[in-house]
mmCIF file of all heavy atoms, coordinates in Angstrom:
data_MODEL
# 
_entry.id   MODEL 
# 
loop_
_atom_site.group_PDB 
_atom_site.id 
_atom_site.type_symbol 
_atom_site.label_atom_id 
_atom_site.label_alt_id 
_atom_site.label_comp_id 
_atom_site.label_asym_id 
_atom_site.label_entity_id 
_atom_site.label_seq_id 
_atom_site.pdbx_PDB_ins_code 
_atom_site.Cartn_x 
_atom_site.Cartn_y 
_atom_site.Cartn_z 
_atom_site.occupancy 
_atom_site.B_iso_or_equiv 
_atom_site.pdbx_formal_charge 
_atom_site.auth_seq_id 
_atom_site.auth_comp_id 
_atom_site.auth_asym_id 
_atom_site.auth_atom_id 
_atom_site.pdbx_PDB_model_num 
ATOM 1   N N   . ALA A 1 1  ? 47.666 47.117 -103.210 1.00 0.00 ? 1  ALA A N   1 
ATOM 2   C CA  . ALA A 1 1  ? 48.747 46.328 -103.777 1.00 0.00 ? 1  ALA A CA  1 
ATOM 3   C C   . ALA A 1 1  ? 49.626 45.767 -102.663 1.00 0.00 ? 1  ALA A C   1 
ATOM 4   O O   . ALA A 1 1  ? 49.936 46.465 -101.696 1.00 0.00 ? 1  ALA A O   1 
ATOM 5   C CB  . ALA A 1 1  ? 49.576 47.177 -104.731 1.00 0.00 ? 1  ALA A CB  1 
ATOM 6   N N   . GLY A 1 2  ? 49.999 44.505 -102.815 1.00 0.00 ? 2  GLY A N   1 
ATOM 7   C CA  . GLY A 1 2  ? 50.804 43.840 -101.803 1.00 0.00 ? 2  GLY A CA  1 
ATOM 8   C C   . GLY A 1 2  ? 49.974 43.073 -100.793 1.00 0.00 ? 2  GLY A C   1 
ATOM 9   O O   . GLY A 1 2  ? 50.513 42.271 -100.019 1.00 0.00 ? 2  GLY A O   1 
ATOM 10  N N   . GLY A 1 3  ? 48.678 43.292 -100.818 1.00 0.00 ? 3  GLY A N   1 
ATOM 11  C CA  . GLY A 1 3  ? 47.795 42.631 -99.889  1.00 0.00 ? 3  GLY A CA  1 
ATOM 12  C C   . GLY A 1 3  ? 47.402 41.240 -100.338 1.00 0.00 ? 3  GLY A C   1 
ATOM 13  O O   . GLY A 1 3  ? 47.852 40.750 -101.370 1.00 0.00 ? 3  GLY A O   1 
ATOM 14  N N   . SER A 1 4  ? 46.542 40.609 -99.554  1.00 0.00 ? 4  SER A N   1 
ATOM 15  C CA  . SER A 1 4  ? 46.105 39.252 -99.830  1.00 0.00 ? 4  SER A CA  1 
ATOM 16  C C   . SER A 1 4  ? 44.591 39.146 -99.815  1.00 0.00 ? 4  SER A C   1 
ATOM 17  O O   . SER A 1 4  ? 43.900 39.954 -99.193  1.00 0.00 ? 4  SER A O   1 
ATOM 18  C CB  . SER A 1 4  ? 46.673 38.276 -98.790  1.00 0.00 ? 4  SER A CB  1 
ATOM 19  O OG  . SER A 1 4  ? 48.080 38.241 -98.824  1.00 0.00 ? 4  SER A OG  1 
ATOM 20  N N   . LEU A 1 5  ? 44.102 38.136 -100.494 1.00 0.00 ? 5  LEU A N   1 
ATOM 21  C CA  . LEU A 1 5  ? 42.676 37.891 -100.566 1.00 0.00 ? 5  LEU A CA  1 
ATOM 22  C C   . LEU A 1 5  ? 42.475 36.405 -100.829 1.00 0.00 ? 5  LEU A C   1 
ATOM 23  O O   . LEU A 1 5  ? 43.277 35.789 -101.538 1.00 0.00 ? 5  LEU A O   1 
ATOM 24  C CB  . LEU A 1 5  ? 42.065 38.716 -101.698 1.00 0.00 ? 5  LEU A CB  1 
ATOM 25  C CG  . LEU A 1 5  ? 40.590 39.118 -101.628 1.00 0.00 ? 5  LEU A CG  1 
ATOM 26  C CD1 . LEU A 1 5  ? 40.316 39.956 -100.382 1.00 0.00 ? 5  LEU A CD1 1 
ATOM 27  C CD2 . LEU A 1 5  ? 40.218 39.899 -102.881 1.00 0.00 ? 5  LEU A CD2 1 
ATOM 28  N N   . ARG A 1 6  ? 41.432 35.831 -100.265 1.00 0.00 ? 6  ARG A N   1 
ATOM 29  C CA  . ARG A 1 6  ? 41.116 34.433 -100.525 1.00 0.00 ? 6  ARG A CA  1 
ATOM 30  C C   . ARG A 1 6  ? 39.728 34.325 -101.120 1.00 0.00 ? 6  ARG A C   1 
ATOM 31  O O   . ARG A 1 6  ? 38.745 34.750 -100.507 1.00 0.00 ? 6  ARG A O   1 
ATOM 32  C CB  . ARG A 1 6  ? 41.196 33.580 -99.261  1.00 0.00 ? 6  ARG A CB  1 
ATOM 33  C CG  . ARG A 1 6  ? 41.062 32.075 -99.562  1.00 0.00 ? 6  ARG A CG  1 
ATOM 34  C CD  . ARG A 1 6  ? 41.101 31.210 -98.326  1.00 0.00 ? 6  ARG A CD  1 
ATOM 35  N NE  . ARG A 1 6  ? 39.848 31.281 -97.573  1.00 0.00 ? 6  ARG A NE  1 
ATOM 36  C CZ  . ARG A 1 6  ? 39.478 30.402 -96.650  1.00 0.00 ? 6  ARG A CZ  1 
ATOM 37  N NH1 . ARG A 1 6  ? 40.270 29.372 -96.358  1.00 0.00 ? 6  ARG A NH1 1 
ATOM 38  N NH2 . ARG A 1 6  ? 38.334 30.551 -96.002  1.00 0.00 ? 6  ARG A NH2 1 
ATOM 39  N N   . LEU A 1 7  ? 39.645 33.752 -102.298 1.00 0.00 ? 7  LEU A N   1 
ATOM 40  C CA  . LEU A 1 7  ? 38.387 33.526 -102.958 1.00 0.00 ? 7  LEU A CA  1 
ATOM 41  C C   . LEU A 1 7  ? 37.894 32.117 -102.660 1.00 0.00 ? 7  LEU A C   1 
ATOM 42  O O   . LEU A 1 7  ? 38.684 31.186 -102.541 1.00 0.00 ? 7  LEU A O   1 
ATOM 43  C CB  . LEU A 1 7  ? 38.517 33.695 -104.477 1.00 0.00 ? 7  LEU A CB  1 
ATOM 44  C CG  . LEU A 1 7  ? 39.103 35.016 -104.979 1.00 0.00 ? 7  LEU A CG  1 
ATOM 45  C CD1 . LEU A 1 7  ? 39.080 35.028 -106.506 1.00 0.00 ? 7  LEU A CD1 1 
ATOM 46  C CD2 . LEU A 1 7  ? 38.340 36.200 -104.411 1.00 0.00 ? 7  LEU A CD2 1 
ATOM 47  N N   . SER A 1 8  ? 36.591 31.980 -102.561 1.00 0.00 ? 8  SER A N   1 
ATOM 48  C CA  . SER A 1 8  ? 35.985 30.680 -102.332 1.00 0.00 ? 8  SER A CA  1 
ATOM 49  C C   . SER A 1 8  ? 34.949 30.405 -103.409 1.00 0.00 ? 8  SER A C   1 
ATOM 50  O O   . SER A 1 8  ? 34.329 31.328 -103.936 1.00 0.00 ? 8  SER A O   1 
ATOM 51  C CB  . SER A 1 8  ? 35.303 30.626 -100.961 1.00 0.00 ? 8  SER A CB  1 
ATOM 52  O OG  . SER A 1 8  ? 36.239 30.803 -99.918  1.00 0.00 ? 8  SER A OG  1 
ATOM 53  N N   . CYS A 1 9  ? 34.767 29.148 -103.720 1.00 0.00 ? 9  CYS A N   1 
ATOM 54  C CA  . CYS A 1 9  ? 33.769 28.726 -104.693 1.00 0.00 ? 9  CYS A CA  1 
ATOM 55  C C   . CYS A 1 9  ? 33.043 27.533 -104.115 1.00 0.00 ? 9  CYS A C   1 
ATOM 56  O O   . CYS A 1 9  ? 33.624 26.451 -103.977 1.00 0.00 ? 9  CYS A O   1 
ATOM 57  C CB  . CYS A 1 9  ? 34.438 28.363 -106.020 1.00 0.00 ? 9  CYS A CB  1 
ATOM 58  S SG  . CYS A 1 9  ? 33.329 27.597 -107.228 1.00 0.00 ? 9  CYS A SG  1 
ATOM 59  N N   . ALA A 1 10 ? 31.788 27.738 -103.771 1.00 0.00 ? 10 ALA A N   1 
ATOM 60  C CA  . ALA A 1 10 ? 30.970 26.664 -103.230 1.00 0.00 ? 10 ALA A CA  1 
ATOM 61  C C   . ALA A 1 10 ? 30.283 25.937 -104.371 1.00 0.00 ? 10 ALA A C   1 
ATOM 62  O O   . ALA A 1 10 ? 29.559 26.551 -105.155 1.00 0.00 ? 10 ALA A O   1 
ATOM 63  C CB  . ALA A 1 10 ? 29.941 27.224 -102.256 1.00 0.00 ? 10 ALA A CB  1 
ATOM 64  N N   . ALA A 1 11 ? 30.528 24.647 -104.465 1.00 0.00 ? 11 ALA A N   1 
ATOM 65  C CA  . ALA A 1 11 ? 29.963 23.843 -105.542 1.00 0.00 ? 11 ALA A CA  1 
ATOM 66  C C   . ALA A 1 11 ? 28.835 22.962 -105.034 1.00 0.00 ? 11 ALA A C   1 
ATOM 67  O O   . ALA A 1 11 ? 28.903 22.401 -103.948 1.00 0.00 ? 11 ALA A O   1 
ATOM 68  C CB  . ALA A 1 11 ? 31.047 22.974 -106.176 1.00 0.00 ? 11 ALA A CB  1 
ATOM 69  N N   . SER A 1 12 ? 27.808 22.838 -105.841 1.00 0.00 ? 12 SER A N   1 
ATOM 70  C CA  . SER A 1 12 ? 26.705 21.941 -105.532 1.00 0.00 ? 12 SER A CA  1 
ATOM 71  C C   . SER A 1 12 ? 26.301 21.204 -106.800 1.00 0.00 ? 12 SER A C   1 
ATOM 72  O O   . SER A 1 12 ? 26.442 21.737 -107.908 1.00 0.00 ? 12 SER A O   1 
ATOM 73  C CB  . SER A 1 12 ? 25.509 22.707 -104.958 1.00 0.00 ? 12 SER A CB  1 
ATOM 74  O OG  . SER A 1 12 ? 24.997 23.637 -105.898 1.00 0.00 ? 12 SER A OG  1 
ATOM 75  N N   . GLY A 1 13 ? 25.811 19.994 -106.638 1.00 0.00 ? 13 GLY A N   1 
ATOM 76  C CA  . GLY A 1 13 ? 25.389 19.205 -107.781 1.00 0.00 ? 13 GLY A CA  1 
ATOM 77  C C   . GLY A 1 13 ? 26.534 18.605 -108.575 1.00 0.00 ? 13 GLY A C   1 
ATOM 78  O O   . GLY A 1 13 ? 26.310 18.033 -109.645 1.00 0.00 ? 13 GLY A O   1 
ATOM 79  N N   . LEU A 1 14 ? 27.744 18.724 -108.062 1.00 0.00 ? 14 LEU A N   1 
ATOM 80  C CA  . LEU A 1 14 ? 28.923 18.178 -108.735 1.00 0.00 ? 14 LEU A CA  1 
ATOM 81  C C   . LEU A 1 14 ? 29.228 16.840 -108.073 1.00 0.00 ? 14 LEU A C   1 
ATOM 82  O O   . LEU A 1 14 ? 29.939 16.776 -107.074 1.00 0.00 ? 14 LEU A O   1 
ATOM 83  C CB  . LEU A 1 14 ? 30.087 19.147 -108.623 1.00 0.00 ? 14 LEU A CB  1 
ATOM 84  C CG  . LEU A 1 14 ? 31.293 18.932 -109.540 1.00 0.00 ? 14 LEU A CG  1 
ATOM 85  C CD1 . LEU A 1 14 ? 30.872 19.064 -110.999 1.00 0.00 ? 14 LEU A CD1 1 
ATOM 86  C CD2 . LEU A 1 14 ? 32.378 19.938 -109.212 1.00 0.00 ? 14 LEU A CD2 1 
ATOM 87  N N   . THR A 1 15 ? 28.684 15.786 -108.637 1.00 0.00 ? 15 THR A N   1 
ATOM 88  C CA  . THR A 1 15 ? 28.779 14.464 -108.024 1.00 0.00 ? 15 THR A CA  1 
ATOM 89  C C   . THR A 1 15 ? 30.106 13.778 -108.299 1.00 0.00 ? 15 THR A C   1 
ATOM 90  O O   . THR A 1 15 ? 30.750 14.000 -109.325 1.00 0.00 ? 15 THR A O   1 
ATOM 91  C CB  . THR A 1 15 ? 27.636 13.563 -108.511 1.00 0.00 ? 15 THR A CB  1 
ATOM 92  O OG1 . THR A 1 15 ? 27.703 13.426 -109.934 1.00 0.00 ? 15 THR A OG1 1 
ATOM 93  C CG2 . THR A 1 15 ? 26.286 14.166 -108.142 1.00 0.00 ? 15 THR A CG2 1 
ATOM 94  N N   . GLY A 1 16 ? 30.490 12.919 -107.377 1.00 0.00 ? 16 GLY A N   1 
ATOM 95  C CA  . GLY A 1 16 ? 31.717 12.175 -107.529 1.00 0.00 ? 16 GLY A CA  1 
ATOM 96  C C   . GLY A 1 16 ? 32.948 13.043 -107.364 1.00 0.00 ? 16 GLY A C   1 
ATOM 97  O O   . GLY A 1 16 ? 32.880 14.183 -106.916 1.00 0.00 ? 16 GLY A O   1 
ATOM 98  N N   . SER A 1 17 ? 34.085 12.487 -107.743 1.00 0.00 ? 17 SER A N   1 
ATOM 99  C CA  . SER A 1 17 ? 35.342 13.214 -107.614 1.00 0.00 ? 17 SER A CA  1 
ATOM 100 C C   . SER A 1 17 ? 36.103 13.325 -108.927 1.00 0.00 ? 17 SER A C   1 
ATOM 101 O O   . SER A 1 17 ? 37.184 13.913 -108.964 1.00 0.00 ? 17 SER A O   1 
ATOM 102 C CB  . SER A 1 17 ? 36.231 12.525 -106.574 1.00 0.00 ? 17 SER A CB  1 
ATOM 103 O OG  . SER A 1 17 ? 36.510 11.192 -106.939 1.00 0.00 ? 17 SER A OG  1 
ATOM 104 N N   . MET A 1 18 ? 35.545 12.792 -109.989 1.00 0.00 ? 18 MET A N   1 
ATOM 105 C CA  . MET A 1 18 ? 36.207 12.808 -111.281 1.00 0.00 ? 18 MET A CA  1 
ATOM 106 C C   . MET A 1 18 ? 35.902 14.103 -112.034 1.00 0.00 ? 18 MET A C   1 
ATOM 107 O O   . MET A 1 18 ? 35.177 14.112 -113.033 1.00 0.00 ? 18 MET A O   1 
ATOM 108 C CB  . MET A 1 18 ? 35.791 11.599 -112.115 1.00 0.00 ? 18 MET A CB  1 
ATOM 109 C CG  . MET A 1 18 ? 36.115 10.261 -111.475 1.00 0.00 ? 18 MET A CG  1 
ATOM 110 S SD  . MET A 1 18 ? 37.893 10.059 -111.203 1.00 0.00 ? 18 MET A SD  1 
ATOM 111 C CE  . MET A 1 18 ? 37.931 8.445  -110.436 1.00 0.00 ? 18 MET A CE  1 
ATOM 112 N N   . HIS A 1 19 ? 36.450 15.176 -111.549 1.00 0.00 ? 19 HIS A N   1 
ATOM 113 C CA  . HIS A 1 19 ? 36.227 16.455 -112.190 1.00 0.00 ? 19 HIS A CA  1 
ATOM 114 C C   . HIS A 1 19 ? 37.413 17.387 -111.984 1.00 0.00 ? 19 HIS A C   1 
ATOM 115 O O   . HIS A 1 19 ? 38.242 17.178 -111.102 1.00 0.00 ? 19 HIS A O   1 
ATOM 116 C CB  . HIS A 1 19 ? 34.953 17.126 -111.655 1.00 0.00 ? 19 HIS A CB  1 
ATOM 117 C CG  . HIS A 1 19 ? 34.940 17.290 -110.166 1.00 0.00 ? 19 HIS A CG  1 
ATOM 118 N ND1 . HIS A 1 19 ? 34.345 16.392 -109.319 1.00 0.00 ? 19 HIS A ND1 1 
ATOM 119 C CD2 . HIS A 1 19 ? 35.458 18.266 -109.377 1.00 0.00 ? 19 HIS A CD2 1 
ATOM 120 C CE1 . HIS A 1 19 ? 34.490 16.791 -108.067 1.00 0.00 ? 19 HIS A CE1 1 
ATOM 121 N NE2 . HIS A 1 19 ? 35.165 17.932 -108.085 1.00 0.00 ? 19 HIS A NE2 1 
ATOM 122 N N   . CYS A 1 20 ? 37.469 18.380 -112.820 1.00 0.00 ? 20 CYS A N   1 
ATOM 123 C CA  . CYS A 1 20 ? 38.475 19.423 -112.714 1.00 0.00 ? 20 CYS A CA  1 
ATOM 124 C C   . CYS A 1 20 ? 37.787 20.712 -112.291 1.00 0.00 ? 20 CYS A C   1 
ATOM 125 O O   . CYS A 1 20 ? 36.622 20.942 -112.610 1.00 0.00 ? 20 CYS A O   1 
ATOM 126 C CB  . CYS A 1 20 ? 39.179 19.654 -114.054 1.00 0.00 ? 20 CYS A CB  1 
ATOM 127 S SG  . CYS A 1 20 ? 40.272 18.328 -114.582 1.00 0.00 ? 20 CYS A SG  1 
ATOM 128 N N   . MET A 1 21 ? 38.507 21.551 -111.604 1.00 0.00 ? 21 MET A N   1 
ATOM 129 C CA  . MET A 1 21 ? 37.989 22.853 -111.226 1.00 0.00 ? 21 MET A CA  1 
ATOM 130 C C   . MET A 1 21 ? 39.081 23.877 -111.465 1.00 0.00 ? 21 MET A C   1 
ATOM 131 O O   . MET A 1 21 ? 40.266 23.551 -111.464 1.00 0.00 ? 21 MET A O   1 
ATOM 132 C CB  . MET A 1 21 ? 37.549 22.877 -109.762 1.00 0.00 ? 21 MET A CB  1 
ATOM 133 C CG  . MET A 1 21 ? 36.441 21.891 -109.439 1.00 0.00 ? 21 MET A CG  1 
ATOM 134 S SD  . MET A 1 21 ? 35.753 22.096 -107.776 1.00 0.00 ? 21 MET A SD  1 
ATOM 135 C CE  . MET A 1 21 ? 34.738 23.572 -108.030 1.00 0.00 ? 21 MET A CE  1 
ATOM 136 N N   . GLY A 1 22 ? 38.657 25.100 -111.671 1.00 0.00 ? 22 GLY A N   1 
ATOM 137 C CA  . GLY A 1 22 ? 39.644 26.119 -111.942 1.00 0.00 ? 22 GLY A CA  1 
ATOM 138 C C   . GLY A 1 22 ? 39.143 27.520 -111.684 1.00 0.00 ? 22 GLY A C   1 
ATOM 139 O O   . GLY A 1 22 ? 37.958 27.745 -111.451 1.00 0.00 ? 22 GLY A O   1 
ATOM 140 N N   . TRP A 1 23 ? 40.082 28.430 -111.717 1.00 0.00 ? 23 TRP A N   1 
ATOM 141 C CA  . TRP A 1 23 ? 39.785 29.849 -111.594 1.00 0.00 ? 23 TRP A CA  1 
ATOM 142 C C   . TRP A 1 23 ? 40.220 30.550 -112.870 1.00 0.00 ? 23 TRP A C   1 
ATOM 143 O O   . TRP A 1 23 ? 41.328 30.313 -113.368 1.00 0.00 ? 23 TRP A O   1 
ATOM 144 C CB  . TRP A 1 23 ? 40.510 30.480 -110.407 1.00 0.00 ? 23 TRP A CB  1 
ATOM 145 C CG  . TRP A 1 23 ? 39.974 30.061 -109.071 1.00 0.00 ? 23 TRP A CG  1 
ATOM 146 C CD1 . TRP A 1 23 ? 40.454 29.089 -108.257 1.00 0.00 ? 23 TRP A CD1 1 
ATOM 147 C CD2 . TRP A 1 23 ? 38.849 30.629 -108.395 1.00 0.00 ? 23 TRP A CD2 1 
ATOM 148 N NE1 . TRP A 1 23 ? 39.711 29.006 -107.111 1.00 0.00 ? 23 TRP A NE1 1 
ATOM 149 C CE2 . TRP A 1 23 ? 38.717 29.930 -107.170 1.00 0.00 ? 23 TRP A CE2 1 
ATOM 150 C CE3 . TRP A 1 23 ? 37.944 31.643 -108.707 1.00 0.00 ? 23 TRP A CE3 1 
ATOM 151 C CZ2 . TRP A 1 23 ? 37.701 30.229 -106.246 1.00 0.00 ? 23 TRP A CZ2 1 
ATOM 152 C CZ3 . TRP A 1 23 ? 36.931 31.940 -107.797 1.00 0.00 ? 23 TRP A CZ3 1 
ATOM 153 C CH2 . TRP A 1 23 ? 36.830 31.233 -106.583 1.00 0.00 ? 23 TRP A CH2 1 
ATOM 154 N N   . PHE A 1 24 ? 39.353 31.389 -113.375 1.00 0.00 ? 24 PHE A N   1 
ATOM 155 C CA  . PHE A 1 24 ? 39.633 32.208 -114.540 1.00 0.00 ? 24 PHE A CA  1 
ATOM 156 C C   . PHE A 1 24 ? 39.373 33.654 -114.164 1.00 0.00 ? 24 PHE A C   1 
ATOM 157 O O   . PHE A 1 24 ? 38.661 33.936 -113.196 1.00 0.00 ? 24 PHE A O   1 
ATOM 158 C CB  . PHE A 1 24 ? 38.746 31.811 -115.722 1.00 0.00 ? 24 PHE A CB  1 
ATOM 159 C CG  . PHE A 1 24 ? 39.048 30.453 -116.290 1.00 0.00 ? 24 PHE A CG  1 
ATOM 160 C CD1 . PHE A 1 24 ? 38.668 29.293 -115.623 1.00 0.00 ? 24 PHE A CD1 1 
ATOM 161 C CD2 . PHE A 1 24 ? 39.710 30.335 -117.502 1.00 0.00 ? 24 PHE A CD2 1 
ATOM 162 C CE1 . PHE A 1 24 ? 38.944 28.041 -116.145 1.00 0.00 ? 24 PHE A CE1 1 
ATOM 163 C CE2 . PHE A 1 24 ? 39.988 29.085 -118.044 1.00 0.00 ? 24 PHE A CE2 1 
ATOM 164 C CZ  . PHE A 1 24 ? 39.612 27.940 -117.363 1.00 0.00 ? 24 PHE A CZ  1 
ATOM 165 N N   . ARG A 1 25 ? 39.940 34.557 -114.913 1.00 0.00 ? 25 ARG A N   1 
ATOM 166 C CA  . ARG A 1 25 ? 39.685 35.964 -114.653 1.00 0.00 ? 25 ARG A CA  1 
ATOM 167 C C   . ARG A 1 25 ? 39.580 36.734 -115.956 1.00 0.00 ? 25 ARG A C   1 
ATOM 168 O O   . ARG A 1 25 ? 40.138 36.338 -116.972 1.00 0.00 ? 25 ARG A O   1 
ATOM 169 C CB  . ARG A 1 25 ? 40.770 36.579 -113.765 1.00 0.00 ? 25 ARG A CB  1 
ATOM 170 C CG  . ARG A 1 25 ? 42.143 36.682 -114.414 1.00 0.00 ? 25 ARG A CG  1 
ATOM 171 C CD  . ARG A 1 25 ? 43.168 37.179 -113.401 1.00 0.00 ? 25 ARG A CD  1 
ATOM 172 N NE  . ARG A 1 25 ? 44.489 37.342 -113.989 1.00 0.00 ? 25 ARG A NE  1 
ATOM 173 C CZ  . ARG A 1 25 ? 45.579 37.661 -113.289 1.00 0.00 ? 25 ARG A CZ  1 
ATOM 174 N NH1 . ARG A 1 25 ? 45.501 37.851 -111.979 1.00 0.00 ? 25 ARG A NH1 1 
ATOM 175 N NH2 . ARG A 1 25 ? 46.745 37.787 -113.914 1.00 0.00 ? 25 ARG A NH2 1 
ATOM 176 N N   . GLN A 1 26 ? 38.843 37.815 -115.898 1.00 0.00 ? 26 GLN A N   1 
ATOM 177 C CA  . GLN A 1 26 ? 38.674 38.655 -117.060 1.00 0.00 ? 26 GLN A CA  1 
ATOM 178 C C   . GLN A 1 26 ? 38.702 40.111 -116.625 1.00 0.00 ? 26 GLN A C   1 
ATOM 179 O O   . GLN A 1 26 ? 37.818 40.569 -115.902 1.00 0.00 ? 26 GLN A O   1 
ATOM 180 C CB  . GLN A 1 26 ? 37.371 38.348 -117.793 1.00 0.00 ? 26 GLN A CB  1 
ATOM 181 C CG  . GLN A 1 26 ? 37.210 39.103 -119.094 1.00 0.00 ? 26 GLN A CG  1 
ATOM 182 C CD  . GLN A 1 26 ? 36.064 38.568 -119.933 1.00 0.00 ? 26 GLN A CD  1 
ATOM 183 O OE1 . GLN A 1 26 ? 35.137 37.954 -119.416 1.00 0.00 ? 26 GLN A OE1 1 
ATOM 184 N NE2 . GLN A 1 26 ? 36.132 38.793 -121.233 1.00 0.00 ? 26 GLN A NE2 1 
ATOM 185 N N   . ALA A 1 27 ? 39.727 40.807 -117.057 1.00 0.00 ? 27 ALA A N   1 
ATOM 186 C CA  . ALA A 1 27 ? 39.840 42.226 -116.771 1.00 0.00 ? 27 ALA A CA  1 
ATOM 187 C C   . ALA A 1 27 ? 39.028 43.001 -117.789 1.00 0.00 ? 27 ALA A C   1 
ATOM 188 O O   . ALA A 1 27 ? 38.757 42.522 -118.890 1.00 0.00 ? 27 ALA A O   1 
ATOM 189 C CB  . ALA A 1 27 ? 41.300 42.660 -116.808 1.00 0.00 ? 27 ALA A CB  1 
ATOM 190 N N   . SER A 1 28 ? 38.641 44.191 -117.421 1.00 0.00 ? 28 SER A N   1 
ATOM 191 C CA  . SER A 1 28 ? 37.843 45.032 -118.304 1.00 0.00 ? 28 SER A CA  1 
ATOM 192 C C   . SER A 1 28 ? 38.556 45.251 -119.630 1.00 0.00 ? 28 SER A C   1 
ATOM 193 O O   . SER A 1 28 ? 39.720 45.656 -119.662 1.00 0.00 ? 28 SER A O   1 
ATOM 194 C CB  . SER A 1 28 ? 37.563 46.374 -117.633 1.00 0.00 ? 28 SER A CB  1 
ATOM 195 O OG  . SER A 1 28 ? 36.792 47.213 -118.458 1.00 0.00 ? 28 SER A OG  1 
# 
């Protein structure tokens, strides 16, 4: 707790720039 973390998401096949991206999470 109190620490930091950086998540990355490498995308492929997502052509152009007309798109939205996001992060979702699901706890147990």
